PDB file of all heavy atoms in Angstrom:
ATOM      1  N   GLN A   1       0.810  -1.197   0.018  1.00  0.00           N
ATOM      2  CA  GLN A   1       0.022  -0.005  -0.009  1.00  0.00           C
ATOM      3  C   GLN A   1       0.886   1.313  -0.021  1.00  0.00           C
ATOM      4  O   GLN A   1       0.399   2.275  -0.384  1.00  0.00           O
ATOM      5  CB  GLN A   1      -0.943  -0.026   1.210  1.00  0.00           C
ATOM      6  CG  GLN A   1      -1.958  -1.186   1.241  1.00  0.00           C
ATOM      7  CD  GLN A   1      -2.931  -1.020   0.113  1.00  0.00           C
ATOM      8  OE1 GLN A   1      -3.564  -0.083  -0.169  1.00  0.00           O
ATOM      9  NE2 GLN A   1      -3.037  -2.119  -0.693  1.00  0.00           N
ATOM     10  N   GLY A   2       2.164   1.103   0.442  1.00  0.00           N
ATOM     11  CA  GLY A   2       2.923   2.272   0.464  1.00  0.00           C
ATOM     12  C   GLY A   2       4.419   1.680   0.535  1.00  0.00           C
ATOM     13  O   GLY A   2       4.797   1.017   1.466  1.00  0.00           O
ATOM     14  N   LEU A   3       5.243   2.065  -0.397  1.00  0.00           N
ATOM     15  CA  LEU A   3       6.642   1.748  -0.362  1.00  0.00           C
ATOM     16  C   LEU A   3       7.315   3.012  -1.058  1.00  0.00           C
ATOM     17  O   LEU A   3       7.546   3.151  -2.263  1.00  0.00           O
ATOM     18  CB  LEU A   3       6.917   0.475  -1.177  1.00  0.00           C
ATOM     19  CG  LEU A   3       8.397   0.074  -1.315  1.00  0.00           C
ATOM     20  CD1 LEU A   3       9.171  -0.014   0.004  1.00  0.00           C
ATOM     21  CD2 LEU A   3       8.480  -1.097  -2.126  1.00  0.00           C
ATOM     22  N   ASN A   4       7.879   3.965  -0.177  1.00  0.00           N
ATOM     23  CA  ASN A   4       8.418   5.090  -0.696  1.00  0.00           C
ATOM     24  C   ASN A   4       9.382   5.756   0.243  1.00  0.00           C
ATOM     25  O   ASN A   4       9.292   5.627   1.513  1.00  0.00           O
ATOM     26  CB  ASN A   4       7.410   6.200  -0.981  1.00  0.00           C
ATOM     27  CG  ASN A   4       6.756   6.116  -2.378  1.00  0.00           C
ATOM     28  OD1 ASN A   4       7.453   6.227  -3.273  1.00  0.00           O
ATOM     29  ND2 ASN A   4       5.430   5.982  -2.476  1.00  0.00           N
ATOM     30  N   TYR A   5      10.255   6.578  -0.361  1.00  0.00           N
ATOM     31  CA  TYR A   5      10.915   7.525   0.513  1.00  0.00           C
ATOM     32  C   TYR A   5      10.008   8.718   0.524  1.00  0.00           C
ATOM     33  O   TYR A   5       9.303   9.022  -0.466  1.00  0.00           O
ATOM     34  CB  TYR A   5      12.222   7.968  -0.014  1.00  0.00           C
ATOM     35  CG  TYR A   5      13.356   6.921   0.112  1.00  0.00           C
ATOM     36  CD1 TYR A   5      13.851   6.184  -0.948  1.00  0.00           C
ATOM     37  CD2 TYR A   5      13.812   6.648   1.426  1.00  0.00           C
ATOM     38  CE1 TYR A   5      14.770   5.299  -0.780  1.00  0.00           C
ATOM     39  CE2 TYR A   5      14.880   5.656   1.520  1.00  0.00           C
ATOM     40  CZ  TYR A   5      15.366   5.006   0.467  1.00  0.00           C
ATOM     41  OH  TYR A   5      16.306   4.080   0.529  1.00  0.00           O
ATOM     42  N   VAL A   6       9.887   9.259   1.730  1.00  0.00           N
ATOM     43  CA  VAL A   6       8.799  10.245   1.910  1.00  0.00           C
ATOM     44  C   VAL A   6       9.301  11.591   2.135  1.00  0.00           C
ATOM     45  O   VAL A   6      10.324  11.709   2.890  1.00  0.00           O
ATOM     46  CB  VAL A   6       7.900   9.789   3.144  1.00  0.00           C
ATOM     47  CG1 VAL A   6       6.847  11.011   3.541  1.00  0.00           C
ATOM     48  CG2 VAL A   6       7.241   8.573   2.817  1.00  0.00           C
ATOM     49  N   VAL A   7       8.811  12.642   1.638  1.00  0.00           N
ATOM     50  CA  VAL A   7       8.953  14.111   2.180  1.00  0.00           C
ATOM     51  C   VAL A   7       7.666  14.475   2.617  1.00  0.00           C
ATOM     52  O   VAL A   7       6.576  14.443   1.911  1.00  0.00           O
ATOM     53  CB  VAL A   7       9.470  14.958   0.908  1.00  0.00           C
ATOM     54  CG1 VAL A   7       9.648  16.280   1.467  1.00  0.00           C
ATOM     55  CG2 VAL A   7      10.726  14.419   0.390  1.00  0.00           C
ATOM     56  N   ALA A   8       7.572  15.003   3.819  1.00  0.00           N
ATOM     57  CA  ALA A   8       6.354  15.505   4.520  1.00  0.00           C
ATOM     58  C   ALA A   8       6.478  16.797   5.111  1.00  0.00           C
ATOM     59  O   ALA A   8       7.553  17.180   5.494  1.00  0.00           O
ATOM     60  CB  ALA A   8       5.839  14.420   5.483  1.00  0.00           C
ATOM     61  N   ARG A   9       5.287  17.577   5.157  1.00  0.00           N
ATOM     62  CA  ARG A   9       5.385  18.877   5.743  1.00  0.00           C
ATOM     63  C   ARG A   9       4.065  18.903   6.739  1.00  0.00           C
ATOM     64  O   ARG A   9       3.108  18.440   6.385  1.00  0.00           O
ATOM     65  CB  ARG A   9       5.124  19.929   4.608  1.00  0.00           C
ATOM     66  CG  ARG A   9       5.046  21.399   5.237  1.00  0.00           C
ATOM     67  CD  ARG A   9       4.962  22.489   4.162  1.00  0.00           C
ATOM     68  NE  ARG A   9       3.775  22.158   3.384  1.00  0.00           N
ATOM     69  CZ  ARG A   9       3.720  22.185   1.943  1.00  0.00           C
ATOM     70  NH1 ARG A   9       4.859  22.453   1.330  1.00  0.00           N
ATOM     71  NH2 ARG A   9       2.700  21.921   1.311  1.00  0.00           N
ATOM     72  N   ALA A  10       4.365  19.443   7.907  1.00  0.00           N
ATOM     73  CA  ALA A  10       3.384  19.539   8.901  1.00  0.00           C
ATOM     74  C   ALA A  10       2.459  20.663   8.520  1.00  0.00           C
ATOM     75  O   ALA A  10       2.930  21.806   8.246  1.00  0.00           O
ATOM     76  CB  ALA A  10       4.092  19.925  10.346  1.00  0.00           C
ATOM     77  N   ASN A  11       1.207  20.426   8.435  1.00  0.00           N
ATOM     78  CA  ASN A  11       0.211  21.515   8.112  1.00  0.00           C
ATOM     79  C   ASN A  11      -0.400  22.204   9.333  1.00  0.00           C
ATOM     80  O   ASN A  11      -1.143  23.045   9.254  1.00  0.00           O
ATOM     81  CB  ASN A  11      -0.867  20.973   7.302  1.00  0.00           C
ATOM     82  CG  ASN A  11      -1.720  19.958   7.782  1.00  0.00           C
ATOM     83  OD1 ASN A  11      -2.080  19.784   8.985  1.00  0.00           O
ATOM     84  ND2 ASN A  11      -1.981  18.818   7.058  1.00  0.00           N
ATOM     85  N   GLN A  12       0.101  21.681  10.547  1.00  0.00           N
ATOM     86  CA  GLN A  12      -0.290  22.290  11.841  1.00  0.00           C
ATOM     87  C   GLN A  12       0.732  21.940  12.914  1.00  0.00           C
ATOM     88  O   GLN A  12       1.434  20.922  12.756  1.00  0.00           O
ATOM     89  CB  GLN A  12      -1.772  22.001  12.246  1.00  0.00           C
ATOM     90  CG  GLN A  12      -1.969  20.533  12.355  1.00  0.00           C
ATOM     91  CD  GLN A  12      -3.473  20.191  12.530  1.00  0.00           C
ATOM     92  OE1 GLN A  12      -3.953  20.284  13.657  1.00  0.00           O
ATOM     93  NE2 GLN A  12      -4.195  19.894  11.534  1.00  0.00           N
ATOM     94  N   ASP A  13       0.685  22.578  14.042  1.00  0.00           N
ATOM     95  CA  ASP A  13       1.595  22.144  15.154  1.00  0.00           C
ATOM     96  C   ASP A  13       0.936  20.772  15.547  1.00  0.00           C
ATOM     97  O   ASP A  13      -0.214  20.537  15.649  1.00  0.00           O
ATOM     98  CB  ASP A  13       1.492  23.080  16.228  1.00  0.00           C
ATOM     99  CG  ASP A  13       2.243  24.332  15.978  1.00  0.00           C
ATOM    100  OD1 ASP A  13       2.942  24.602  14.967  1.00  0.00           O
ATOM    101  OD2 ASP A  13       2.096  25.331  16.716  1.00  0.00           O
ATOM    102  N   ASN A  14       2.063  19.952  15.975  1.00  0.00           N
ATOM    103  CA  ASN A  14       1.524  18.583  16.492  1.00  0.00           C
ATOM    104  C   ASN A  14       2.494  18.115  17.527  1.00  0.00           C
ATOM    105  O   ASN A  14       3.521  18.737  17.904  1.00  0.00           O
ATOM    106  CB  ASN A  14       1.221  17.610  15.264  1.00  0.00           C
ATOM    107  CG  ASN A  14       2.531  17.427  14.492  1.00  0.00           C
ATOM    108  OD1 ASN A  14       3.475  16.739  14.951  1.00  0.00           O
ATOM    109  ND2 ASN A  14       2.458  18.004  13.302  1.00  0.00           N
ATOM    110  N   LEU A  15       2.368  16.901  17.884  1.00  0.00           N
ATOM    111  CA  LEU A  15       3.206  16.293  18.912  1.00  0.00           C
ATOM    112  C   LEU A  15       4.682  16.230  18.586  1.00  0.00           C
ATOM    113  O   LEU A  15       5.537  16.327  19.474  1.00  0.00           O
ATOM    114  CB  LEU A  15       2.710  14.935  19.231  1.00  0.00           C
ATOM    115  CG  LEU A  15       3.131  14.145  20.541  1.00  0.00           C
ATOM    116  CD1 LEU A  15       2.870  14.791  21.737  1.00  0.00           C
ATOM    117  CD2 LEU A  15       2.603  12.669  20.476  1.00  0.00           C
ATOM    118  N   ILE A  16       4.972  16.168  17.360  1.00  0.00           N
ATOM    119  CA  ILE A  16       6.479  15.960  16.958  1.00  0.00           C
ATOM    120  C   ILE A  16       7.010  17.097  16.187  1.00  0.00           C
ATOM    121  O   ILE A  16       8.258  17.109  15.928  1.00  0.00           O
ATOM    122  CB  ILE A  16       6.710  14.523  16.378  1.00  0.00           C
ATOM    123  CG1 ILE A  16       6.020  14.555  15.087  1.00  0.00           C
ATOM    124  CG2 ILE A  16       6.374  13.481  17.227  1.00  0.00           C
ATOM    125  CD1 ILE A  16       6.520  13.423  14.246  1.00  0.00           C
ATOM    126  N   SER A  17       6.096  18.043  15.554  1.00  0.00           N
ATOM    127  CA  SER A  17       6.682  18.940  14.720  1.00  0.00           C
ATOM    128  C   SER A  17       5.740  20.228  14.846  1.00  0.00           C
ATOM    129  O   SER A  17       4.677  20.273  15.290  1.00  0.00           O
ATOM    130  CB  SER A  17       6.675  18.455  13.228  1.00  0.00           C
ATOM    131  OG  SER A  17       5.546  17.973  12.790  1.00  0.00           O
ATOM    132  N   ASN A  18       6.342  21.298  14.207  1.00  0.00           N
ATOM    133  CA  ASN A  18       5.608  22.606  14.144  1.00  0.00           C
ATOM    134  C   ASN A  18       5.073  22.775  12.778  1.00  0.00           C
ATOM    135  O   ASN A  18       5.671  22.283  11.709  1.00  0.00           O
ATOM    136  CB  ASN A  18       6.522  23.824  14.515  1.00  0.00           C
ATOM    137  CG  ASN A  18       7.101  23.605  15.964  1.00  0.00           C
ATOM    138  OD1 ASN A  18       6.272  23.345  16.869  1.00  0.00           O
ATOM    139  ND2 ASN A  18       8.408  23.808  16.034  1.00  0.00           N
ATOM    140  N   GLU A  19       4.046  23.578  12.581  1.00  0.00           N
ATOM    141  CA  GLU A  19       3.474  23.843  11.316  1.00  0.00           C
ATOM    142  C   GLU A  19       4.596  24.402  10.470  1.00  0.00           C
ATOM    143  O   GLU A  19       5.451  25.210  10.790  1.00  0.00           O
ATOM    144  CB  GLU A  19       2.415  24.901  11.373  1.00  0.00           C
ATOM    145  CG  GLU A  19       1.666  25.294  10.099  1.00  0.00           C
ATOM    146  CD  GLU A  19       0.693  26.270  10.229  1.00  0.00           C
ATOM    147  OE1 GLU A  19       0.225  26.618  11.335  1.00  0.00           O
ATOM    148  OE2 GLU A  19       0.045  26.629   9.292  1.00  0.00           O
ATOM    149  N   GLY A  20       4.597  23.893   9.172  1.00  0.00           N
ATOM    150  CA  GLY A  20       5.688  24.208   8.228  1.00  0.00           C
ATOM    151  C   GLY A  20       6.919  23.400   8.205  1.00  0.00           C
ATOM    152  O   GLY A  20       7.682  23.406   7.208  1.00  0.00           O
ATOM    153  N   ASP A  21       7.273  22.624   9.248  1.00  0.00           N
ATOM    154  CA  ASP A  21       8.427  21.783   9.337  1.00  0.00           C
ATOM    155  C   ASP A  21       8.339  20.769   8.179  1.00  0.00           C
ATOM    156  O   ASP A  21       7.203  20.169   7.898  1.00  0.00           O
ATOM    157  CB  ASP A  21       8.449  20.944  10.597  1.00  0.00           C
ATOM    158  CG  ASP A  21       8.891  21.803  11.841  1.00  0.00           C
ATOM    159  OD1 ASP A  21       9.223  22.903  11.572  1.00  0.00           O
ATOM    160  OD2 ASP A  21       8.901  21.276  12.870  1.00  0.00           O
ATOM    161  N   VAL A  22       9.396  20.547   7.427  1.00  0.00           N
ATOM    162  CA  VAL A  22       9.430  19.593   6.409  1.00  0.00           C
ATOM    163  C   VAL A  22      10.596  18.558   6.846  1.00  0.00           C
ATOM    164  O   VAL A  22      11.669  18.911   7.307  1.00  0.00           O
ATOM    165  CB  VAL A  22       9.973  20.278   5.071  1.00  0.00           C
ATOM    166  CG1 VAL A  22      10.183  19.214   3.906  1.00  0.00           C
ATOM    167  CG2 VAL A  22       8.964  21.211   4.566  1.00  0.00           C
ATOM    168  N   PHE A  23      10.259  17.366   6.616  1.00  0.00           N
ATOM    169  CA  PHE A  23      11.083  16.216   7.058  1.00  0.00           C
ATOM    170  C   PHE A  23      11.122  15.101   5.898  1.00  0.00           C
ATOM    171  O   PHE A  23      10.159  14.957   5.260  1.00  0.00           O
ATOM    172  CB  PHE A  23      10.951  15.774   8.424  1.00  0.00           C
ATOM    173  CG  PHE A  23       9.530  15.220   8.624  1.00  0.00           C
ATOM    174  CD1 PHE A  23       9.224  13.913   8.417  1.00  0.00           C
ATOM    175  CD2 PHE A  23       8.558  16.087   9.140  1.00  0.00           C
ATOM    176  CE1 PHE A  23       7.981  13.358   8.563  1.00  0.00           C
ATOM    177  CE2 PHE A  23       7.289  15.602   9.316  1.00  0.00           C
ATOM    178  CZ  PHE A  23       6.982  14.262   9.020  1.00  0.00           C
ATOM    179  N   ARG A  24      12.169  14.213   5.987  1.00  0.00           N
ATOM    180  CA  ARG A  24      12.182  13.042   5.077  1.00  0.00           C
ATOM    181  C   ARG A  24      12.128  11.911   6.045  1.00  0.00           C
ATOM    182  O   ARG A  24      12.478  11.899   7.062  1.00  0.00           O
ATOM    183  CB  ARG A  24      13.548  13.123   4.318  1.00  0.00           C
ATOM    184  CG  ARG A  24      13.518  14.119   3.262  1.00  0.00           C
ATOM    185  CD  ARG A  24      14.884  14.350   2.640  1.00  0.00           C
ATOM    186  NE  ARG A  24      14.828  15.304   1.476  1.00  0.00           N
ATOM    187  CZ  ARG A  24      14.587  16.505   1.596  1.00  0.00           C
ATOM    188  NH1 ARG A  24      14.319  17.170   2.728  1.00  0.00           N
ATOM    189  NH2 ARG A  24      14.563  17.310   0.453  1.00  0.00           N
ATOM    190  N   ALA A  25      11.521  10.858   5.388  1.00  0.00           N
ATOM    191  CA  ALA A  25      11.253   9.533   6.100  1.00  0.00           C
ATOM    192  C   ALA A  25      11.124   8.477   5.048  1.00  0.00           C
ATOM    193  O   ALA A  25      11.405   8.585   3.921  1.00  0.00           O
ATOM    194  CB  ALA A  25      10.058   9.759   6.995  1.00  0.00           C
ATOM    195  N   HIS A  26      10.545   7.411   5.485  1.00  0.00           N
ATOM    196  CA  HIS A  26      10.178   6.338   4.627  1.00  0.00           C
ATOM    197  C   HIS A  26       8.881   5.692   5.143  1.00  0.00           C
ATOM    198  O   HIS A  26       8.530   5.753   6.105  1.00  0.00           O
ATOM    199  CB  HIS A  26      11.246   5.321   4.385  1.00  0.00           C
ATOM    200  CG  HIS A  26      11.510   4.376   5.514  1.00  0.00           C
ATOM    201  ND1 HIS A  26      10.858   3.211   5.676  1.00  0.00           N
ATOM    202  CD2 HIS A  26      12.225   4.574   6.640  1.00  0.00           C
ATOM    203  CE1 HIS A  26      11.258   2.545   6.864  1.00  0.00           C
ATOM    204  NE2 HIS A  26      12.137   3.354   7.518  1.00  0.00           N
ATOM    205  N   GLU A  27       8.139   4.845   4.207  1.00  0.00           N
ATOM    206  CA  GLU A  27       6.965   4.118   4.400  1.00  0.00           C
ATOM    207  C   GLU A  27       7.015   2.746   3.628  1.00  0.00           C
ATOM    208  O   GLU A  27       7.567   2.763   2.621  1.00  0.00           O
ATOM    209  CB  GLU A  27       5.737   4.909   4.093  1.00  0.00           C
ATOM    210  CG  GLU A  27       5.602   5.274   2.637  1.00  0.00           C
ATOM    211  CD  GLU A  27       4.336   6.020   2.158  1.00  0.00           C
ATOM    212  OE1 GLU A  27       3.408   5.950   2.956  1.00  0.00           O
ATOM    213  OE2 GLU A  27       4.349   6.667   1.073  1.00  0.00           O
ATOM    214  N   PHE A  28       6.559   1.838   4.472  1.00  0.00           N
ATOM    215  CA  PHE A  28       6.490   0.507   3.780  1.00  0.00           C
ATOM    216  C   PHE A  28       5.343  -0.305   4.581  1.00  0.00           C
ATOM    217  O   PHE A  28       5.595  -0.625   5.772  1.00  0.00           O
ATOM    218  CB  PHE A  28       7.808  -0.248   3.776  1.00  0.00           C
ATOM    219  CG  PHE A  28       7.794  -1.689   3.317  1.00  0.00           C
ATOM    220  CD1 PHE A  28       7.241  -1.921   2.130  1.00  0.00           C
ATOM    221  CD2 PHE A  28       8.155  -2.663   4.119  1.00  0.00           C
ATOM    222  CE1 PHE A  28       7.210  -3.257   1.622  1.00  0.00           C
ATOM    223  CE2 PHE A  28       8.104  -4.086   3.713  1.00  0.00           C
ATOM    224  CZ  PHE A  28       7.654  -4.417   2.501  1.00  0.00           C
ATOM    225  N   HIS A  29       4.316  -0.726   3.952  1.00  0.00           N
ATOM    226  CA  HIS A  29       3.195  -1.370   4.649  1.00  0.00           C
ATOM    227  C   HIS A  29       2.246  -1.985   3.642  1.00  0.00           C
ATOM    228  O   HIS A  29       2.090  -1.515   2.525  1.00  0.00           O
ATOM    229  CB  HIS A  29       2.386  -0.353   5.494  1.00  0.00           C
ATOM    230  CG  HIS A  29       1.833   0.860   4.832  1.00  0.00           C
ATOM    231  ND1 HIS A  29       0.621   0.981   4.371  1.00  0.00           N
ATOM    232  CD2 HIS A  29       2.514   1.966   4.488  1.00  0.00           C
ATOM    233  CE1 HIS A  29       0.307   2.085   3.708  1.00  0.00           C
ATOM    234  NE2 HIS A  29       1.519   2.825   3.860  1.00  0.00           N
ATOM    235  N   TYR A  30       1.729  -3.175   4.128  1.00  0.00           N
ATOM    236  CA  TYR A  30       0.683  -3.886   3.326  1.00  0.00           C
ATOM    237  C   TYR A  30      -0.723  -3.630   3.972  1.00  0.00           C
ATOM    238  O   TYR A  30      -1.604  -3.926   3.360  1.00  0.00           O
ATOM    239  CB  TYR A  30       1.092  -5.356   3.457  1.00  0.00           C
ATOM    240  CG  TYR A  30       1.961  -5.810   2.405  1.00  0.00           C
ATOM    241  CD1 TYR A  30       3.413  -5.702   2.700  1.00  0.00           C
ATOM    242  CD2 TYR A  30       1.594  -6.463   1.157  1.00  0.00           C
ATOM    243  CE1 TYR A  30       4.329  -6.145   1.764  1.00  0.00           C
ATOM    244  CE2 TYR A  30       2.549  -6.819   0.340  1.00  0.00           C
ATOM    245  CZ  TYR A  30       3.956  -6.647   0.569  1.00  0.00           C
ATOM    246  OH  TYR A  30       4.904  -7.142  -0.365  1.00  0.00           O
ATOM    247  N   THR A  31      -0.751  -2.866   5.074  1.00  0.00           N
ATOM    248  CA  THR A  31      -1.950  -2.663   5.750  1.00  0.00           C
ATOM    249  C   THR A  31      -2.615  -1.383   5.148  1.00  0.00           C
ATOM    250  O   THR A  31      -1.838  -0.536   4.560  1.00  0.00           O
ATOM    251  CB  THR A  31      -1.875  -2.527   7.244  1.00  0.00           C
ATOM    252  OG1 THR A  31      -0.900  -1.459   7.531  1.00  0.00           O
ATOM    253  CG2 THR A  31      -1.519  -3.771   7.821  1.00  0.00           C
ATOM    254  N   LYS A  32      -3.914  -1.093   5.392  1.00  0.00           N
ATOM    255  CA  LYS A  32      -4.448   0.090   5.018  1.00  0.00           C
ATOM    256  C   LYS A  32      -5.423   0.494   6.248  1.00  0.00           C
ATOM    257  O   LYS A  32      -5.982  -0.308   6.827  1.00  0.00           O
ATOM    258  CB  LYS A  32      -5.211   0.143   3.659  1.00  0.00           C
ATOM    259  CG  LYS A  32      -6.465  -0.591   3.645  1.00  0.00           C
ATOM    260  CD  LYS A  32      -7.145  -0.377   2.264  1.00  0.00           C
ATOM    261  CE  LYS A  32      -8.474  -0.995   2.268  1.00  0.00           C
ATOM    262  NZ  LYS A  32      -9.135  -0.851   1.028  1.00  0.00           N
ATOM    263  N   LEU A  33      -5.393   1.726   6.520  1.00  0.00           N
ATOM    264  CA  LEU A  33      -6.406   2.270   7.450  1.00  0.00           C
ATOM    265  C   LEU A  33      -7.629   2.770   6.761  1.00  0.00           C
ATOM    266  O   LEU A  33      -7.608   3.441   5.827  1.00  0.00           O
ATOM    267  CB  LEU A  33      -5.599   3.518   8.181  1.00  0.00           C
ATOM    268  CG  LEU A  33      -6.295   4.059   9.509  1.00  0.00           C
ATOM    269  CD1 LEU A  33      -6.241   3.019  10.553  1.00  0.00           C
ATOM    270  CD2 LEU A  33      -5.657   5.240   9.834  1.00  0.00           C
ATOM    271  N   ASN A  34      -8.759   2.427   7.296  1.00  0.00           N
ATOM    272  CA  ASN A  34      -9.920   2.495   6.617  1.00  0.00           C
ATOM    273  C   ASN A  34     -10.546   3.919   7.202  1.00  0.00           C
ATOM    274  O   ASN A  34     -11.394   3.983   8.007  1.00  0.00           O
ATOM    275  CB  ASN A  34     -11.126   1.451   7.036  1.00  0.00           C
ATOM    276  CG  ASN A  34     -10.611   0.148   6.401  1.00  0.00           C
ATOM    277  OD1 ASN A  34     -10.262   0.063   5.238  1.00  0.00           O
ATOM    278  ND2 ASN A  34     -10.556  -0.897   7.160  1.00  0.00           N
ATOM    279  N   ILE A  35     -10.003   5.031   6.509  1.00  0.00           N
ATOM    280  CA  ILE A  35     -10.172   6.437   6.873  1.00  0.00           C
ATOM    281  C   ILE A  35     -10.837   7.074   5.649  1.00  0.00           C
ATOM    282  O   ILE A  35     -10.286   6.797   4.587  1.00  0.00           O
ATOM    283  CB  ILE A  35      -8.966   7.129   7.408  1.00  0.00           C
ATOM    284  CG1 ILE A  35      -9.323   8.598   7.878  1.00  0.00           C
ATOM    285  CG2 ILE A  35      -7.893   7.059   6.620  1.00  0.00           C
ATOM    286  CD1 ILE A  35      -8.110   9.225   8.537  1.00  0.00           C
ATOM    287  N   ASP A  36     -11.765   7.942   5.813  1.00  0.00           N
ATOM    288  CA  ASP A  36     -12.419   8.492   4.634  1.00  0.00           C
ATOM    289  C   ASP A  36     -12.437  10.066   4.682  1.00  0.00           C
ATOM    290  O   ASP A  36     -12.960  10.635   3.870  1.00  0.00           O
ATOM    291  CB  ASP A  36     -13.820   7.947   4.482  1.00  0.00           C
ATOM    292  CG  ASP A  36     -14.672   8.193   5.533  1.00  0.00           C
ATOM    293  OD1 ASP A  36     -14.328   8.824   6.606  1.00  0.00           O
ATOM    294  OD2 ASP A  36     -15.940   7.830   5.560  1.00  0.00           O
ATOM    295  N   LYS A  37     -11.797  10.593   5.724  1.00  0.00           N
ATOM    296  CA  LYS A  37     -11.713  11.987   5.830  1.00  0.00           C
ATOM    297  C   LYS A  37     -10.271  12.498   6.217  1.00  0.00           C
ATOM    298  O   LYS A  37      -9.608  11.714   6.907  1.00  0.00           O
ATOM    299  CB  LYS A  37     -12.781  12.561   6.679  1.00  0.00           C
ATOM    300  CG  LYS A  37     -12.777  11.972   8.066  1.00  0.00           C
ATOM    301  CD  LYS A  37     -13.992  12.487   8.799  1.00  0.00           C
ATOM    302  CE  LYS A  37     -14.020  11.717  10.239  1.00  0.00           C
ATOM    303  NZ  LYS A  37     -15.102  12.135  11.029  1.00  0.00           N
ATOM    304  N   THR A  38     -10.004  13.596   5.843  1.00  0.00           N
ATOM    305  CA  THR A  38      -8.523  14.135   6.086  1.00  0.00           C
ATOM    306  C   THR A  38      -8.459  15.275   7.212  1.00  0.00           C
ATOM    307  O   THR A  38      -7.424  15.641   7.412  1.00  0.00           O
ATOM    308  CB  THR A  38      -7.950  14.713   4.827  1.00  0.00           C
ATOM    309  OG1 THR A  38      -8.732  15.792   4.386  1.00  0.00           O
ATOM    310  CG2 THR A  38      -7.780  13.613   3.726  1.00  0.00           C
ATOM    311  N   ASP A  39      -9.578  15.492   7.866  1.00  0.00           N
ATOM    312  CA  ASP A  39      -9.504  16.648   8.834  1.00  0.00           C
ATOM    313  C   ASP A  39      -8.667  16.406  10.011  1.00  0.00           C
ATOM    314  O   ASP A  39      -8.362  17.290  10.691  1.00  0.00           O
ATOM    315  CB  ASP A  39     -10.941  17.090   9.247  1.00  0.00           C
ATOM    316  CG  ASP A  39     -11.765  15.883   9.815  1.00  0.00           C
ATOM    317  OD1 ASP A  39     -11.427  14.726   9.566  1.00  0.00           O
ATOM    318  OD2 ASP A  39     -12.731  16.227  10.624  1.00  0.00           O
ATOM    319  N   SER A  40      -8.391  15.109  10.355  1.00  0.00           N
ATOM    320  CA  SER A  40      -7.490  14.871  11.542  1.00  0.00           C
ATOM    321  C   SER A  40      -6.047  14.528  11.116  1.00  0.00           C
ATOM    322  O   SER A  40      -5.298  14.196  11.900  1.00  0.00           O
ATOM    323  CB  SER A  40      -8.108  13.685  12.288  1.00  0.00           C
ATOM    324  OG  SER A  40      -7.926  12.462  11.570  1.00  0.00           O
ATOM    325  N   LEU A  41      -5.760  14.830   9.789  1.00  0.00           N
ATOM    326  CA  LEU A  41      -4.430  14.423   9.289  1.00  0.00           C
ATOM    327  C   LEU A  41      -3.497  15.662   9.251  1.00  0.00           C
ATOM    328  O   LEU A  41      -3.864  16.710   8.823  1.00  0.00           O
ATOM    329  CB  LEU A  41      -4.422  13.845   7.868  1.00  0.00           C
ATOM    330  CG  LEU A  41      -5.312  12.552   7.725  1.00  0.00           C
ATOM    331  CD1 LEU A  41      -5.317  12.046   6.398  1.00  0.00           C
ATOM    332  CD2 LEU A  41      -4.725  11.466   8.675  1.00  0.00           C
ATOM    333  N   VAL A  42      -2.326  15.623   9.921  1.00  0.00           N
ATOM    334  CA  VAL A  42      -1.429  16.722  10.178  1.00  0.00           C
ATOM    335  C   VAL A  42      -0.214  16.837   9.289  1.00  0.00           C
ATOM    336  O   VAL A  42       0.459  17.839   9.393  1.00  0.00           O
ATOM    337  CB  VAL A  42      -1.013  16.859  11.751  1.00  0.00           C
ATOM    338  CG1 VAL A  42      -2.277  16.933  12.451  1.00  0.00           C
ATOM    339  CG2 VAL A  42      -0.162  15.571  12.058  1.00  0.00           C
ATOM    340  N   PHE A  43       0.050  15.847   8.429  1.00  0.00           N
ATOM    341  CA  PHE A  43       1.182  16.003   7.473  1.00  0.00           C
ATOM    342  C   PHE A  43       0.599  15.897   5.975  1.00  0.00           C
ATOM    343  O   PHE A  43      -0.111  15.041   5.609  1.00  0.00           O
ATOM    344  CB  PHE A  43       2.057  14.781   7.642  1.00  0.00           C
ATOM    345  CG  PHE A  43       2.733  14.742   9.020  1.00  0.00           C
ATOM    346  CD1 PHE A  43       2.598  13.451   9.888  1.00  0.00           C
ATOM    347  CD2 PHE A  43       3.292  15.834   9.606  1.00  0.00           C
ATOM    348  CE1 PHE A  43       3.236  13.320  11.025  1.00  0.00           C
ATOM    349  CE2 PHE A  43       3.770  15.670  10.904  1.00  0.00           C
ATOM    350  CZ  PHE A  43       3.787  14.512  11.552  1.00  0.00           C
ATOM    351  N   ASP A  44       1.072  16.858   5.163  1.00  0.00           N
ATOM    352  CA  ASP A  44       0.950  16.889   3.827  1.00  0.00           C
ATOM    353  C   ASP A  44       2.094  15.983   3.216  1.00  0.00           C
ATOM    354  O   ASP A  44       3.256  16.368   3.526  1.00  0.00           O
ATOM    355  CB  ASP A  44       0.952  18.202   3.201  1.00  0.00           C
ATOM    356  CG  ASP A  44      -0.173  19.046   3.690  1.00  0.00           C
ATOM    357  OD1 ASP A  44      -1.272  18.556   3.879  1.00  0.00           O
ATOM    358  OD2 ASP A  44       0.030  20.318   3.969  1.00  0.00           O
TER     359      ASP A  44
END
């Protein structure tokens, strides 16, 4: 479901970053989260 090097930006202050922070990471997963709205998602 996701296998990538990631670049993400915080769209609001949160537990680990401030709004506007950009960081690199990675993702690898076969699972999916059954979510249908983005209002609680803090990373672009």
